[in-house]
Amino acid sequence: MALNEAQRSYLELLKRSLTAAVHQDAYVRWTLGDRSPWHPRRWIAALVLWTLRRQGWELVQRCPHEELERGTAWPLVGETMVGFARLDNLRTCIERVVEQRVPGDLIEAGAWRGGASIFMRGVLKALDVHDRRVWVADSFQGLPRPDRRYGADAGDRHYRFSQLAVGLQAVKENFRRYGLLDAQVRFVPGWFRDTLPALHDQRWALIRLDGDMYESTIQALDALYPQLSVGGYVIVDDGALAPCLAAVEDFRRRERIADPIEWIDWTGLLWRRESR
């Protein structure tokens, strides 16, 4: 579906705004990484950071725009860490399912600050599509602790990252600030194991998964893939993470899915459902 210049410009600006690349100077939070020059005295650094945050301050460092574009940084003020290539691909997939009339809504499982979902709604707006919805599924309280049933997640530490816990109201506010909070957006708060199976009566044209873990990825695929229309897309954000990729491979093997996987960039992957 061909977009005019105004529509293309809107989506390009939306992409740059959501990734924070629109700003002249971009920042990320300073963290206690192993490469920190303070590493031998981490307890001192931790005390300094704790004291600053108690006072409402944040210690930050400049972030090269290339990292925002590649999706390798967690921007301080942006709404997504997805990067340009994955957002451009997301737009292309939505355009295709709309043009080819693949039935169903769009869903993201794992939203963080809502940036990719906001972009999905923006693409529908640019295409003047009113009969499809964007579903935003997330715990809105961070990632779960590793479950013993999923050995691939043993030792996973995502649940400790407070910056990954973004509340429902904060995500709604992000939609509102972009003028995209409306009746075509639905929110699904809660752990995937509890919420996604309840969507069994929905139909999907596009499923975007950004759960980081084996558990989150396999639960989302189990619950959502049966309702994916032929011609629809599965997009997985975290193919560079071994547990997530293992979940994808295990699911495809179990369901005997032969549709080819395409890599979007260094971590994003997708496949298109060709048959049932």
Protein backbone atom coordinates (compact mmCIF):
# COMPACT_ATOMS: atom_id res chain seq x y z
CA MET A 1 0.00 0.00 0.00
CA ALA A 2 1.62 3.21 -1.19
CA LEU A 3 1.85 6.05 1.31
CA ASN A 4 2.00 9.68 0.27
CA GLU A 5 4.82 11.98 1.34
CA ALA A 6 2.93 13.36 4.34
CA GLN A 7 2.17 9.85 5.65
CA ARG A 8 5.77 8.72 5.19
CA SER A 9 7.06 11.85 6.94
CA TYR A 10 4.69 11.29 9.87
CA LEU A 11 5.87 7.72 10.38
CA GLU A 12 9.53 8.69 10.03
CA LEU A 13 9.13 11.40 12.67
CA LEU A 14 7.17 9.02 14.91
CA LYS A 15 9.98 6.46 14.62
CA ARG A 16 12.66 9.00 15.51
CA SER A 17 10.63 10.35 18.42
CA LEU A 18 9.87 6.94 19.92
CA THR A 19 13.54 5.90 19.78
CA ALA A 20 14.70 9.32 21.12
CA ALA A 21 16.88 9.71 18.01
CA VAL A 22 15.06 12.97 17.26
CA HIS A 23 16.97 14.69 20.07
CA GLN A 24 20.33 16.33 19.45
CA ASP A 25 21.71 14.78 22.64
CA ALA A 26 20.55 11.37 23.80
CA TYR A 27 21.21 9.81 27.18
CA VAL A 28 21.02 6.48 28.95
CA ARG A 29 21.08 5.72 32.66
CA TRP A 30 24.52 5.15 34.15
CA THR A 31 24.58 1.67 35.64
CA LEU A 32 26.94 -0.47 37.67
CA GLY A 33 28.18 -2.56 34.78
CA ASP A 34 31.23 -4.78 34.99
CA ARG A 35 33.11 -2.37 32.76
CA SER A 36 32.51 0.56 35.05
CA PRO A 37 35.71 2.28 36.22
CA TRP A 38 34.24 2.08 39.72
CA HIS A 39 33.93 -1.69 39.58
CA PRO A 40 36.51 -2.39 42.37
CA ARG A 41 34.45 -0.19 44.69
CA ARG A 42 30.97 -1.00 43.51
CA TRP A 43 29.46 -0.51 46.96
CA ILE A 44 30.57 3.15 46.93
CA ALA A 45 29.09 3.66 43.47
CA ALA A 46 25.87 1.94 44.53
CA LEU A 47 25.59 4.21 47.56
CA VAL A 48 26.11 7.31 45.41
CA LEU A 49 23.45 6.21 42.90
CA TRP A 50 21.02 5.32 45.67
CA THR A 51 21.52 8.70 47.34
CA LEU A 52 21.03 10.62 44.10
CA ARG A 53 17.85 8.74 43.21
CA ARG A 54 16.44 9.29 46.69
CA GLN A 55 16.75 13.01 45.95
CA GLY A 56 15.09 12.70 42.55
CA TRP A 57 18.36 12.88 40.60
CA GLU A 58 19.59 10.52 37.91
CA LEU A 59 23.17 9.88 36.81
CA VAL A 60 23.28 9.60 33.02
CA GLN A 61 25.77 9.34 30.19
CA ARG A 62 25.62 10.36 26.56
CA CYS A 63 24.45 7.75 24.10
CA PRO A 64 25.66 7.68 20.48
CA HIS A 65 22.77 7.99 18.06
CA GLU A 66 24.03 4.90 16.28
CA GLU A 67 23.10 2.83 19.33
CA LEU A 68 19.55 4.19 19.29
CA GLU A 69 19.23 3.47 15.59
CA ARG A 70 20.57 -0.09 15.99
CA GLY A 71 18.43 -0.76 19.05
CA THR A 72 21.35 -1.52 21.35
CA ALA A 73 20.60 1.11 24.02
CA TRP A 74 17.86 1.72 26.57
CA PRO A 75 17.08 5.41 25.99
CA LEU A 76 16.40 7.55 29.02
CA VAL A 77 13.40 9.32 27.51
CA GLY A 78 12.45 7.26 24.44
CA GLU A 79 9.50 4.89 24.43
CA THR A 80 11.23 1.99 22.67
CA MET A 81 14.66 0.37 22.43
CA VAL A 82 13.73 -1.45 19.21
CA GLY A 83 15.77 0.64 16.77
CA PHE A 84 15.15 1.71 13.19
CA ALA A 85 15.38 -1.58 11.28
CA ARG A 86 12.82 -3.40 13.42
CA LEU A 87 10.39 -0.47 13.34
CA ASP A 88 10.76 -0.16 9.56
CA ASN A 89 10.11 -3.88 9.23
CA LEU A 90 7.09 -3.63 11.53
CA ARG A 91 5.66 -0.92 9.31
CA THR A 92 6.24 -3.04 6.19
CA CYS A 93 4.50 -6.06 7.71
CA ILE A 94 1.48 -4.00 8.74
CA GLU A 95 1.26 -2.43 5.29
CA ARG A 96 1.30 -5.91 3.73
CA VAL A 97 -1.42 -7.43 5.90
CA VAL A 98 -3.61 -4.38 5.30
CA GLU A 99 -3.02 -4.33 1.55
CA GLN A 100 -3.53 -8.10 1.24
CA ARG A 101 -6.53 -8.04 3.58
CA VAL A 102 -5.14 -10.59 5.99
CA PRO A 103 -7.85 -10.71 8.67
CA GLY A 104 -7.15 -9.91 12.30
CA ASP A 105 -5.82 -7.42 14.81
CA LEU A 106 -2.26 -6.63 15.86
CA ILE A 107 -0.84 -7.61 19.24
CA GLU A 108 2.39 -6.97 21.10
CA ALA A 109 3.28 -9.23 24.01
CA GLY A 110 5.89 -7.38 26.03
CA ALA A 111 5.53 -3.62 25.63
CA TRP A 112 7.98 -1.87 28.02
CA ARG A 113 7.04 1.83 27.63
CA GLY A 114 4.71 1.03 24.75
CA GLY A 115 6.84 2.40 21.92
CA ALA A 116 6.46 -0.40 19.37
CA SER A 117 2.72 -0.62 20.09
CA ILE A 118 2.41 3.14 19.69
CA PHE A 119 4.16 2.81 16.34
CA MET A 120 1.76 0.04 15.31
CA ARG A 121 -1.18 2.29 16.09
CA GLY A 122 0.52 5.13 14.22
CA VAL A 123 0.89 2.98 11.12
CA LEU A 124 -2.81 2.11 11.21
CA LYS A 125 -3.59 5.81 11.55
CA ALA A 126 -1.37 6.71 8.60
CA LEU A 127 -3.07 4.00 6.52
CA ASP A 128 -6.50 5.28 7.60
CA VAL A 129 -7.43 1.85 8.97
CA HIS A 130 -10.35 1.87 11.40
CA ASP A 131 -11.37 -1.80 11.56
CA ARG A 132 -8.26 -3.21 13.28
CA ARG A 133 -7.10 -2.87 16.86
CA VAL A 134 -3.73 -2.87 18.57
CA TRP A 135 -3.57 -5.04 21.68
CA VAL A 136 -0.90 -4.28 24.28
CA ALA A 137 -0.15 -7.23 26.57
CA ASP A 138 2.28 -6.84 29.44
CA SER A 139 2.55 -7.49 33.15
CA PHE A 140 3.23 -3.76 33.57
CA GLN A 141 5.39 -4.73 36.54
CA GLY A 142 8.53 -6.05 34.88
CA LEU A 143 9.57 -9.58 33.99
CA PRO A 144 8.80 -12.70 36.04
CA ARG A 145 11.30 -14.54 38.18
CA PRO A 146 12.67 -17.66 36.46
CA ASP A 147 10.32 -20.63 36.69
CA ARG A 148 11.91 -24.03 37.34
CA ARG A 149 9.73 -25.54 34.64
CA TYR A 150 11.70 -23.60 32.05
CA GLY A 151 15.31 -24.62 32.44
CA ALA A 152 16.49 -22.25 29.71
CA ASP A 153 15.63 -19.34 32.02
CA ALA A 154 17.79 -20.55 34.91
CA GLY A 155 19.78 -17.65 36.28
CA ASP A 156 17.84 -15.04 34.31
CA ARG A 157 18.11 -11.62 35.97
CA HIS A 158 15.64 -9.53 33.97
CA TYR A 159 13.25 -9.44 36.93
CA ARG A 160 15.81 -7.40 38.85
CA PHE A 161 15.83 -4.54 36.34
CA SER A 162 13.52 -1.91 37.79
CA GLN A 163 13.69 0.11 34.58
CA LEU A 164 11.80 -2.68 32.80
CA ALA A 165 8.81 -2.30 35.14
CA VAL A 166 6.63 0.37 33.51
CA GLY A 167 3.10 0.71 34.86
CA LEU A 168 -0.09 0.55 32.84
CA GLN A 169 -0.97 4.19 33.44
CA ALA A 170 2.49 5.31 32.31
CA VAL A 171 2.10 3.37 29.06
CA LYS A 172 -1.38 4.79 28.49
CA GLU A 173 0.01 8.26 29.06
CA ASN A 174 2.67 7.64 26.42
CA PHE A 175 -0.07 6.70 23.93
CA ARG A 176 -1.99 9.83 24.90
CA ARG A 177 1.01 12.12 24.40
CA TYR A 178 1.30 10.91 20.82
CA GLY A 179 -2.42 11.37 20.24
CA LEU A 180 -2.91 7.63 19.73
CA LEU A 181 -4.88 6.53 22.80
CA ASP A 182 -8.32 5.66 21.46
CA ALA A 183 -10.84 2.86 21.05
CA GLN A 184 -8.53 1.02 18.65
CA VAL A 185 -6.09 0.29 21.48
CA ARG A 186 -6.74 -2.47 24.01
CA PHE A 187 -4.61 -3.25 27.06
CA VAL A 188 -4.11 -6.72 28.53
CA PRO A 189 -2.45 -6.36 31.96
CA GLY A 190 -1.07 -9.39 33.77
CA TRP A 191 1.32 -12.31 33.40
CA PHE A 192 1.11 -13.99 30.00
CA ARG A 193 0.22 -17.37 31.50
CA ASP A 194 -2.91 -15.81 33.03
CA THR A 195 -4.03 -13.37 30.32
CA LEU A 196 -3.13 -14.53 26.82
CA PRO A 197 -5.10 -17.81 26.84
CA ALA A 198 -8.24 -15.74 27.45
CA LEU A 199 -7.80 -14.14 24.01
CA HIS A 200 -8.58 -17.42 22.24
CA ASP A 201 -11.58 -15.92 20.45
CA GLN A 202 -9.53 -13.19 18.77
CA ARG A 203 -7.92 -13.36 15.35
CA TRP A 204 -4.48 -11.95 14.63
CA ALA A 205 -2.85 -10.59 11.50
CA LEU A 206 0.40 -9.78 13.30
CA ILE A 207 1.93 -11.02 16.54
CA ARG A 208 4.93 -9.20 17.97
CA LEU A 209 6.76 -10.85 20.87
CA ASP A 210 9.21 -9.02 23.11
CA GLY A 211 9.34 -11.12 26.26
CA ASP A 212 13.12 -11.66 26.54
CA MET A 213 12.72 -15.04 28.26
CA TYR A 214 11.91 -18.63 27.24
CA GLU A 215 8.83 -18.65 29.47
CA SER A 216 7.36 -15.43 28.10
CA THR A 217 8.06 -16.40 24.49
CA ILE A 218 6.72 -19.96 24.59
CA GLN A 219 3.61 -18.94 26.53
CA ALA A 220 2.83 -16.20 24.02
CA LEU A 221 3.34 -18.49 21.04
CA ASP A 222 1.20 -21.23 22.59
CA ALA A 223 -1.66 -18.83 23.29
CA LEU A 224 -1.59 -16.60 20.21
CA TYR A 225 -0.28 -18.58 17.25
CA PRO A 226 -3.37 -20.80 16.80
CA GLN A 227 -5.39 -17.65 16.01
CA LEU A 228 -2.86 -16.19 13.55
CA SER A 229 -4.36 -15.87 10.08
CA VAL A 230 -2.68 -17.38 7.06
CA GLY A 231 -0.57 -14.59 5.61
CA GLY A 232 -0.02 -13.09 9.05
CA TYR A 233 3.33 -12.46 10.70
CA VAL A 234 5.11 -13.56 13.85
CA ILE A 235 7.80 -11.05 14.83
CA VAL A 236 10.20 -11.91 17.65
CA ASP A 237 12.33 -9.11 19.03
CA ASP A 238 14.81 -11.10 21.09
CA GLY A 239 16.36 -13.67 18.78
CA ALA A 240 19.81 -12.70 20.05
CA LEU A 241 18.88 -14.03 23.50
CA ALA A 242 19.51 -17.77 23.68
CA PRO A 243 16.46 -18.64 25.85
CA CYS A 244 14.12 -16.72 23.57
CA LEU A 245 15.55 -18.29 20.42
CA ALA A 246 15.31 -21.73 22.03
CA ALA A 247 11.60 -21.13 22.70
CA VAL A 248 11.05 -20.19 19.06
CA GLU A 249 12.91 -23.26 17.82
CA ASP A 250 11.15 -25.60 20.24
CA PHE A 251 7.73 -24.24 19.31
CA ARG A 252 8.34 -24.46 15.57
CA ARG A 253 9.69 -28.00 15.92
CA ARG A 254 6.74 -29.14 18.02
CA GLU A 255 4.17 -27.54 15.69
CA ARG A 256 6.07 -28.67 12.57
CA ILE A 257 6.31 -25.15 11.20
CA ALA A 258 8.42 -25.04 8.05
CA ASP A 259 7.80 -21.42 7.08
CA PRO A 260 11.26 -19.85 6.71
CA ILE A 261 12.64 -17.51 9.36
CA GLU A 262 13.95 -14.15 8.18
CA TRP A 263 16.36 -12.10 10.29
CA ILE A 264 15.51 -8.41 10.47
CA ASP A 265 18.71 -7.23 12.10
CA TRP A 266 21.11 -8.49 14.76
CA THR A 267 18.28 -9.71 17.03
CA GLY A 268 14.87 -9.38 15.40
CA LEU A 269 13.39 -12.26 13.39
CA LEU A 270 10.08 -13.12 11.76
CA TRP A 271 8.20 -15.66 9.75
CA ARG A 272 4.99 -15.48 7.78
CA ARG A 273 2.33 -18.10 8.24
CA GLU A 274 1.80 -19.75 4.88
CA SER A 275 -0.68 -22.46 5.86
CA ARG A 276 -2.55 -24.05 8.77
